[in-house]
Amino acid sequence: MAKEKPKDKEERKQEKKIKKEKHAKTDGVKKVKREKDEKQAQIDGVKKIKKDKKEKHAEASGVKQIKREKRAEPDEVKVLKREELEKSEEVKKIKREKREKCEEADEVKNIKGEEQEKGAETGAVEKPTKEKKHKKEKKEAAEKAADDHNTAIVKAAKDTHVTADLLKSLEEDQPGSVVTKKDGQLEIKVKTAPVVGPLVPFANPLADEKMERRVLKGVKKAAKARALNRGVKEVVKALRKSSNPTSRSEPKLPLAIVILAADVSPMDVISHLPVLCEDKHVPYIFVPSRHKLGEACLAKRPTSVVMVGKEKGKKAEEGKDPWKETYKRLVKYVKRAGTIVKI
C-alpha cells in the first residue's frame, strides 16, 4: 500500500493541471465574450447618438422649411400686387394712346375741312400761276443740264490726267490695280494682298498662290461631295482608323489627303499632324490662310485642318466632274508640291 501512494499524488497533480487549464480556457472565452459585449454596447451607443442627431436635424430642417414657407407667402403676395399694378398701368397707357389718336384724327379732319374751304375760294386764281411756275422750272432745268454737261467734259479731261498719275504710283507699290467707269464716275480698284498671320516654321510643303487656288477649289468640291473631315479631332481620329500600308512603296492613289493652315497659333495644335501623316503614308500640304480654308469648306469659321477622303459621302451633291477625277487631280497637285523643297 505504501508503494501506490506516490502514483495517486501524480494523478492528482495532473488532474489539478487539467482543471486549471480548463478554467483558464473558460476564463479566456468569457473575457472574449465580455469584450464583444462591450464593443457591441459601444456600437449601439454610437448608433443611438447618430439616430438622435438625425431626428434633431430632421426637426430643425422641418422648422426651417416652415419658416421659409411663411417668408415666401408675403413675397408671393407682393409679386401678385406688382403684376396687378403693371396691368393697370398698361391699361391706362392703352387708353391714353386711344385718346391721343382720336384727338389727332379730329385735328386732321378740321385741317382738311379748312383747306377745302380755302381751295374753293382761291381755285380760279391758282390755276394760271401754277402753269407759269411749271414752265419756268422746265427752262431752269434745261439750262442747268447744259451747264452740267459742259463742266463734266472739263472734269473728265482733268480726271484722266489725275488717274493716269495715280495708276503709275499704284502700279509701282501694288501691281494689278484697275480703273473702271460706272455712271460717268471713275473708280479705282486697288489689288491688295489678303491679311495673313505669321506662318508656322514647319510649314513645308507650302502652297503658292496658284497651287492654293487649285487646292481650295478641290476642297470646295470635296465639301459638296461630303468627302471631308474638318478640325483636329476628326482628322486625328480618321488618320488613326486608316490602315497603315505594309510595303514602303506608296500606293497609286492614297486613301486621303490632309490640308493644314500655316497661320495657326499656337502651333502645338497641329505640330503632331505632319508626323502622323508620314506614319500613315498620307500626303499633306500647307495653305497660308485658315480663313480661306474655312470658306472653301463652306464653314462660317476659319479651319485649321481638313482631310479630303477618296470616297464620296452618301448624301453627296452631283456635280459636272465625277469625284474620282477631281481627287486624282488634287493628289497630283499635292505630290508635286511635296517634291519641291523650300529652304
Protein backbone atom coordinates (compact mmCIF):
# COMPACT_ATOMS: atom_id res chain seq x y z
CA MET A 1 0.00 0.00 0.00
CA ALA A 2 2.89 2.37 0.67
CA LYS A 3 4.13 1.98 -2.98
CA GLU A 4 0.78 3.07 -4.55
CA LYS A 5 0.65 6.45 -2.76
CA PRO A 6 3.11 8.38 -4.96
CA LYS A 7 1.09 7.33 -8.05
CA ASP A 8 -2.04 8.80 -6.51
CA LYS A 9 -0.20 12.07 -5.88
CA GLU A 10 0.91 12.33 -9.52
CA GLU A 11 -2.55 11.60 -10.80
CA ARG A 12 -3.98 14.28 -8.52
CA LYS A 13 -1.40 16.79 -9.78
CA GLN A 14 -2.30 16.03 -13.39
CA GLU A 15 -6.00 16.33 -12.65
CA LYS A 16 -5.38 19.72 -10.99
CA LYS A 17 -3.37 20.87 -14.01
CA ILE A 18 -6.14 19.77 -16.40
CA LYS A 19 -8.72 21.56 -14.24
CA LYS A 20 -6.61 24.75 -14.20
CA GLU A 21 -6.22 24.66 -18.00
CA LYS A 22 -9.95 24.20 -18.41
CA HIS A 23 -10.66 27.11 -16.03
CA ALA A 24 -8.13 29.25 -17.94
CA LYS A 25 -9.83 28.43 -21.25
CA THR A 26 -13.28 29.18 -19.88
CA ASP A 27 -11.95 32.46 -18.39
CA GLY A 28 -10.44 33.39 -21.78
CA VAL A 29 -13.68 32.63 -23.56
CA LYS A 30 -15.59 34.68 -21.00
CA LYS A 31 -13.18 37.60 -21.46
CA VAL A 32 -13.62 37.48 -25.25
CA LYS A 33 -17.39 37.43 -24.81
CA ARG A 34 -17.25 40.36 -22.39
CA GLU A 35 -15.10 42.36 -24.82
CA LYS A 36 -17.52 41.58 -27.64
CA ASP A 37 -20.47 42.65 -25.50
CA GLU A 38 -18.70 45.87 -24.54
CA LYS A 39 -17.90 46.63 -28.22
CA GLN A 40 -21.48 45.89 -29.20
CA ALA A 41 -22.69 48.17 -26.42
CA GLN A 42 -20.39 50.95 -27.70
CA ILE A 43 -21.63 50.46 -31.29
CA ASP A 44 -25.24 50.55 -30.10
CA GLY A 45 -24.48 53.71 -28.14
CA VAL A 46 -22.93 55.37 -31.22
CA LYS A 47 -25.92 54.31 -33.35
CA LYS A 48 -28.33 55.76 -30.78
CA ILE A 49 -26.39 59.05 -30.77
CA LYS A 50 -26.49 59.17 -34.60
CA LYS A 51 -30.24 58.46 -34.60
CA ASP A 52 -30.81 61.22 -32.08
CA LYS A 53 -28.75 63.62 -34.21
CA LYS A 54 -30.70 62.68 -37.34
CA GLU A 55 -34.00 63.20 -35.55
CA LYS A 56 -32.85 66.59 -34.25
CA HIS A 57 -31.63 67.55 -37.73
CA ALA A 58 -34.96 66.46 -39.26
CA GLU A 59 -36.83 68.52 -36.69
CA ALA A 60 -34.59 71.53 -37.35
CA SER A 61 -34.99 71.20 -41.15
CA GLY A 62 -38.77 70.92 -40.71
CA VAL A 63 -38.78 74.12 -38.66
CA LYS A 64 -36.65 75.85 -41.30
CA GLN A 65 -38.99 74.78 -44.10
CA ILE A 66 -41.97 76.13 -42.18
CA LYS A 67 -40.17 79.46 -41.70
CA ARG A 68 -39.26 79.60 -45.40
CA GLU A 69 -42.85 78.93 -46.43
CA LYS A 70 -44.03 81.67 -44.08
CA ARG A 71 -41.49 84.08 -45.58
CA ALA A 72 -42.36 83.04 -49.15
CA GLU A 73 -46.08 83.75 -48.66
CA PRO A 74 -45.72 87.55 -48.28
CA ASP A 75 -43.27 87.58 -51.23
CA GLU A 76 -45.87 85.91 -53.43
CA VAL A 77 -48.48 88.41 -52.31
CA LYS A 78 -46.09 91.25 -53.21
CA VAL A 79 -45.45 89.76 -56.66
CA LEU A 80 -49.19 89.47 -57.31
CA LYS A 81 -49.72 93.09 -56.28
CA ARG A 82 -46.91 94.23 -58.58
CA GLU A 83 -48.39 92.31 -61.50
CA GLU A 84 -51.80 93.87 -60.87
CA LEU A 85 -50.26 97.34 -60.75
CA GLU A 86 -48.37 96.74 -64.00
CA LYS A 87 -51.55 95.51 -65.70
CA SER A 88 -53.48 98.57 -64.53
CA GLU A 89 -50.68 100.86 -65.81
CA GLU A 90 -50.70 99.11 -69.19
CA VAL A 91 -54.47 99.54 -69.44
CA LYS A 92 -54.09 103.25 -68.63
CA LYS A 93 -51.39 103.63 -71.31
CA ILE A 94 -53.60 101.95 -73.93
CA LYS A 95 -56.49 104.26 -73.05
CA ARG A 96 -54.22 107.35 -73.31
CA GLU A 97 -52.94 106.25 -76.72
CA LYS A 98 -56.51 105.76 -77.96
CA ARG A 99 -57.47 109.24 -76.76
CA GLU A 100 -54.45 110.81 -78.44
CA LYS A 101 -55.21 109.02 -81.71
CA CYS A 102 -58.83 110.23 -81.60
CA GLU A 103 -57.66 113.81 -80.95
CA GLU A 104 -55.15 113.62 -83.83
CA ALA A 105 -57.85 112.29 -86.18
CA ASP A 106 -60.17 115.15 -85.20
CA GLU A 107 -57.40 117.72 -85.82
CA VAL A 108 -56.63 116.21 -89.26
CA LYS A 109 -60.31 116.36 -90.18
CA ASN A 110 -60.53 120.03 -89.14
CA ILE A 111 -57.39 120.93 -91.13
CA LYS A 112 -58.73 119.15 -94.25
CA GLY A 113 -62.04 120.97 -93.94
CA GLU A 114 -60.27 124.35 -93.70
CA GLU A 115 -58.08 123.54 -96.72
CA GLN A 116 -61.10 122.52 -98.79
CA GLU A 117 -62.85 125.78 -97.96
CA LYS A 118 -59.76 127.83 -98.89
CA GLY A 119 -59.34 125.86 -102.14
CA ALA A 120 -62.93 126.50 -103.15
CA GLU A 121 -62.39 130.26 -102.64
CA THR A 122 -58.97 130.60 -104.41
CA GLY A 123 -59.23 127.79 -107.02
CA ALA A 124 -59.75 130.08 -110.02
CA VAL A 125 -56.78 132.33 -109.14
CA GLU A 126 -54.19 129.49 -108.51
CA LYS A 127 -54.55 127.68 -111.88
CA PRO A 128 -52.74 130.21 -114.15
CA THR A 129 -49.95 130.83 -111.59
CA LYS A 130 -49.19 127.07 -111.42
CA GLU A 131 -48.79 126.80 -115.22
CA LYS A 132 -46.32 129.73 -115.30
CA LYS A 133 -44.26 128.24 -112.48
CA HIS A 134 -44.10 124.88 -114.27
CA LYS A 135 -42.75 126.49 -117.49
CA LYS A 136 -40.09 128.45 -115.56
CA GLU A 137 -38.94 125.29 -113.77
CA LYS A 138 -38.58 123.44 -117.12
CA LYS A 139 -36.41 126.22 -118.59
CA GLU A 140 -34.18 126.36 -115.49
CA ALA A 141 -33.73 122.55 -115.54
CA ALA A 142 -32.67 122.60 -119.22
CA GLU A 143 -30.13 125.37 -118.57
CA LYS A 144 -28.69 123.51 -115.60
CA ALA A 145 -28.35 120.28 -117.61
CA ALA A 146 -26.40 122.11 -120.34
CA ASP A 147 -24.05 123.69 -117.75
CA ASP A 148 -23.52 120.33 -116.02
CA HIS A 149 -22.66 118.65 -119.35
CA ASN A 150 -20.01 121.27 -120.13
CA THR A 151 -18.47 121.06 -116.63
CA ALA A 152 -18.47 117.22 -116.79
CA ILE A 153 -16.45 117.32 -120.04
CA VAL A 154 -13.88 119.63 -118.43
CA LYS A 155 -13.69 117.46 -115.25
CA ALA A 156 -13.28 114.26 -117.29
CA ALA A 157 -10.32 115.79 -119.10
CA LYS A 158 -8.74 116.74 -115.78
CA ASP A 159 -9.59 113.37 -114.15
CA THR A 160 -7.84 111.37 -116.89
CA HIS A 161 -4.53 113.10 -116.10
CA VAL A 162 -5.02 112.58 -112.35
CA THR A 163 -5.97 108.90 -112.72
CA ALA A 164 -3.02 108.24 -115.01
CA ASP A 165 -0.64 109.62 -112.35
CA LEU A 166 -2.44 107.63 -109.66
CA LEU A 167 -2.23 104.41 -111.65
CA LYS A 168 1.51 104.84 -112.20
CA SER A 169 2.13 105.27 -108.47
CA LEU A 170 -0.21 102.35 -107.59
CA GLU A 171 1.41 100.01 -110.11
CA GLU A 172 4.79 100.71 -108.53
CA ASP A 173 3.52 99.97 -104.99
CA GLN A 174 0.68 97.45 -105.60
CA PRO A 175 0.63 95.96 -109.11
CA GLY A 176 -2.67 94.76 -110.59
CA SER A 177 -4.85 97.81 -109.73
CA VAL A 178 -7.59 98.70 -112.28
CA VAL A 179 -9.66 101.83 -113.19
CA THR A 180 -13.35 101.28 -114.01
CA LYS A 181 -16.08 103.69 -115.12
CA LYS A 182 -19.60 103.46 -113.63
CA ASP A 183 -22.38 106.01 -114.34
CA GLY A 184 -19.85 108.57 -115.59
CA GLN A 185 -17.69 108.27 -112.46
CA LEU A 186 -14.19 106.82 -112.37
CA GLU A 187 -13.47 104.13 -109.75
CA ILE A 188 -10.02 102.78 -108.90
CA LYS A 189 -9.87 99.16 -107.71
CA VAL A 190 -6.66 98.57 -105.78
CA LYS A 191 -5.41 94.98 -105.62
CA THR A 192 -4.44 94.24 -102.01
CA ALA A 193 -2.90 91.07 -100.65
CA PRO A 194 -5.02 89.17 -98.10
CA VAL A 195 -4.07 89.63 -94.46
CA VAL A 196 -2.23 86.53 -93.27
CA GLY A 197 -0.80 85.95 -89.78
CA PRO A 198 2.71 84.68 -89.01
CA LEU A 199 3.30 81.27 -90.59
CA VAL A 200 4.31 78.13 -88.71
CA PRO A 201 8.07 77.30 -89.04
CA PHE A 202 7.43 73.68 -90.09
CA ALA A 203 5.00 74.64 -92.92
CA ASN A 204 6.57 72.53 -95.65
CA PRO A 205 5.37 71.89 -98.37
CA LEU A 206 3.66 75.31 -98.54
CA ALA A 207 1.35 76.07 -101.50
CA ASP A 208 1.97 79.22 -103.54
CA GLU A 209 -0.92 81.41 -104.87
CA LYS A 210 -1.64 79.27 -107.93
CA MET A 211 -1.42 75.99 -106.01
CA GLU A 212 -3.53 77.43 -103.18
CA ARG A 213 -6.33 78.29 -105.62
CA ARG A 214 -6.31 74.77 -107.05
CA VAL A 215 -6.23 73.09 -103.64
CA LEU A 216 -9.05 75.24 -102.22
CA LYS A 217 -11.14 74.56 -105.33
CA GLY A 218 -10.67 70.82 -104.69
CA VAL A 219 -11.62 71.28 -101.02
CA LYS A 220 -14.82 73.07 -102.05
CA LYS A 221 -15.75 70.17 -104.35
CA ALA A 222 -14.94 67.70 -101.55
CA ALA A 223 -17.30 69.58 -99.22
CA LYS A 224 -20.09 69.26 -101.81
CA ALA A 225 -19.24 65.57 -102.28
CA ARG A 226 -19.36 65.04 -98.47
CA ALA A 227 -15.85 63.59 -98.51
CA LEU A 228 -14.42 65.95 -95.90
CA ASN A 229 -13.33 65.83 -92.24
CA ARG A 230 -12.92 69.22 -90.51
CA GLY A 231 -10.97 70.03 -87.35
CA VAL A 232 -8.05 68.49 -85.49
CA LYS A 233 -10.08 65.88 -83.53
CA GLU A 234 -11.89 64.48 -86.57
CA VAL A 235 -8.73 64.38 -88.70
CA VAL A 236 -6.67 62.62 -85.99
CA LYS A 237 -9.46 60.05 -85.46
CA ALA A 238 -9.73 59.37 -89.21
CA LEU A 239 -5.92 59.07 -89.56
CA ARG A 240 -5.69 56.58 -86.70
CA LYS A 241 -8.51 54.48 -88.16
CA SER A 242 -6.91 54.43 -91.64
CA SER A 243 -4.94 51.24 -92.38
CA ASN A 244 -1.16 51.65 -92.48
CA PRO A 245 0.26 50.07 -95.71
CA THR A 246 2.69 47.20 -95.09
CA SER A 247 5.02 47.95 -98.02
CA ARG A 248 7.08 51.11 -98.10
CA SER A 249 6.17 51.80 -101.72
CA GLU A 250 3.29 54.32 -101.79
CA PRO A 251 0.03 53.27 -103.47
CA LYS A 252 -1.11 54.87 -106.71
CA LEU A 253 -3.97 56.72 -105.01
CA PRO A 254 -3.75 57.37 -101.25
CA LEU A 255 -6.83 56.91 -99.07
CA ALA A 256 -6.88 60.58 -98.08
CA ILE A 257 -5.12 63.97 -98.32
CA VAL A 258 -4.57 66.34 -95.38
CA ILE A 259 -4.59 70.13 -95.90
CA LEU A 260 -3.27 72.26 -93.00
CA ALA A 261 -3.38 76.02 -92.39
CA ALA A 262 0.06 77.57 -91.86
CA ASP A 263 -1.14 80.59 -89.80
CA VAL A 264 -2.42 78.60 -86.80
CA SER A 265 -1.49 79.82 -83.33
CA PRO A 266 -0.46 78.22 -81.05
CA MET A 267 1.49 75.94 -83.37
CA ASP A 268 1.25 72.98 -80.94
CA VAL A 269 -2.36 72.46 -82.12
CA ILE A 270 -1.17 70.97 -85.45
CA SER A 271 2.52 70.21 -84.81
CA HIS A 272 1.86 66.44 -84.38
CA LEU A 273 -0.18 66.06 -87.59
CA PRO A 274 2.65 66.03 -90.23
CA VAL A 275 4.40 63.17 -88.33
CA LEU A 276 1.12 61.22 -88.12
CA CYS A 277 0.53 61.72 -91.86
CA GLU A 278 4.02 60.45 -92.67
CA ASP A 279 3.49 57.38 -90.47
CA LYS A 280 0.24 56.56 -92.27
CA HIS A 281 1.71 57.46 -95.73
CA VAL A 282 -0.93 60.17 -96.26
CA PRO A 283 0.21 63.18 -98.39
CA TYR A 284 -0.25 66.63 -96.85
CA ILE A 285 0.15 70.28 -97.84
CA PHE A 286 0.09 73.65 -96.03
CA VAL A 287 -2.09 76.58 -97.12
CA PRO A 288 -1.21 80.16 -95.97
CA SER A 289 -4.67 81.24 -94.68
CA ARG A 290 -7.04 79.36 -92.34
CA HIS A 291 -9.83 81.87 -93.17
CA LYS A 292 -9.71 80.87 -96.85
CA LEU A 293 -9.62 77.20 -95.87
CA GLY A 294 -12.77 77.71 -93.77
CA GLU A 295 -14.53 79.43 -96.70
CA ALA A 296 -13.56 76.57 -99.03
CA CYS A 297 -15.05 74.07 -96.51
CA LEU A 298 -18.34 76.03 -96.70
CA ALA A 299 -17.97 76.78 -92.98
CA LYS A 300 -18.62 80.10 -91.23
CA ARG A 301 -15.48 79.90 -89.07
CA PRO A 302 -11.81 79.54 -90.06
CA THR A 303 -10.49 75.92 -90.04
CA SER A 304 -7.00 74.76 -89.13
CA VAL A 305 -7.02 71.23 -90.68
CA VAL A 306 -9.05 69.41 -93.30
CA MET A 307 -8.91 65.81 -94.53
CA VAL A 308 -10.18 65.02 -98.03
CA GLY A 309 -11.29 61.40 -98.42
CA LYS A 310 -11.06 59.19 -101.51
CA GLU A 311 -14.67 58.03 -101.42
CA LYS A 312 -17.80 60.14 -101.77
CA GLY A 313 -20.37 60.54 -98.98
CA LYS A 314 -23.86 59.05 -99.12
CA LYS A 315 -25.69 62.40 -99.32
CA ALA A 316 -23.31 63.93 -101.89
CA GLU A 317 -24.32 66.57 -104.44
CA GLU A 318 -23.84 65.50 -108.06
CA GLY A 319 -21.53 67.90 -109.95
CA LYS A 320 -20.29 68.14 -113.55
CA ASP A 321 -16.96 66.39 -112.90
CA PRO A 322 -17.01 62.98 -111.21
CA TRP A 323 -15.38 62.98 -107.77
CA LYS A 324 -12.66 60.43 -108.66
CA GLU A 325 -11.16 62.67 -111.35
CA THR A 326 -11.08 65.74 -109.07
CA TYR A 327 -9.49 63.63 -106.32
CA LYS A 328 -6.79 62.37 -108.75
CA ARG A 329 -6.02 65.97 -109.73
CA LEU A 330 -5.79 67.02 -106.08
CA VAL A 331 -3.39 64.16 -105.32
CA LYS A 332 -1.22 65.18 -108.29
CA TYR A 333 -1.03 68.82 -107.08
CA VAL A 334 -0.15 67.80 -103.51
CA LYS A 335 2.53 65.32 -104.59
CA ARG A 336 4.05 67.87 -106.96
CA ALA A 337 4.21 70.41 -104.11
CA GLY A 338 5.84 67.74 -101.90
CA THR A 339 8.73 67.27 -104.36
CA ILE A 340 9.68 70.98 -104.15
CA VAL A 341 11.79 71.63 -101.04
CA LYS A 342 11.75 75.27 -99.81
CA ILE A 343 14.82 76.40 -97.91
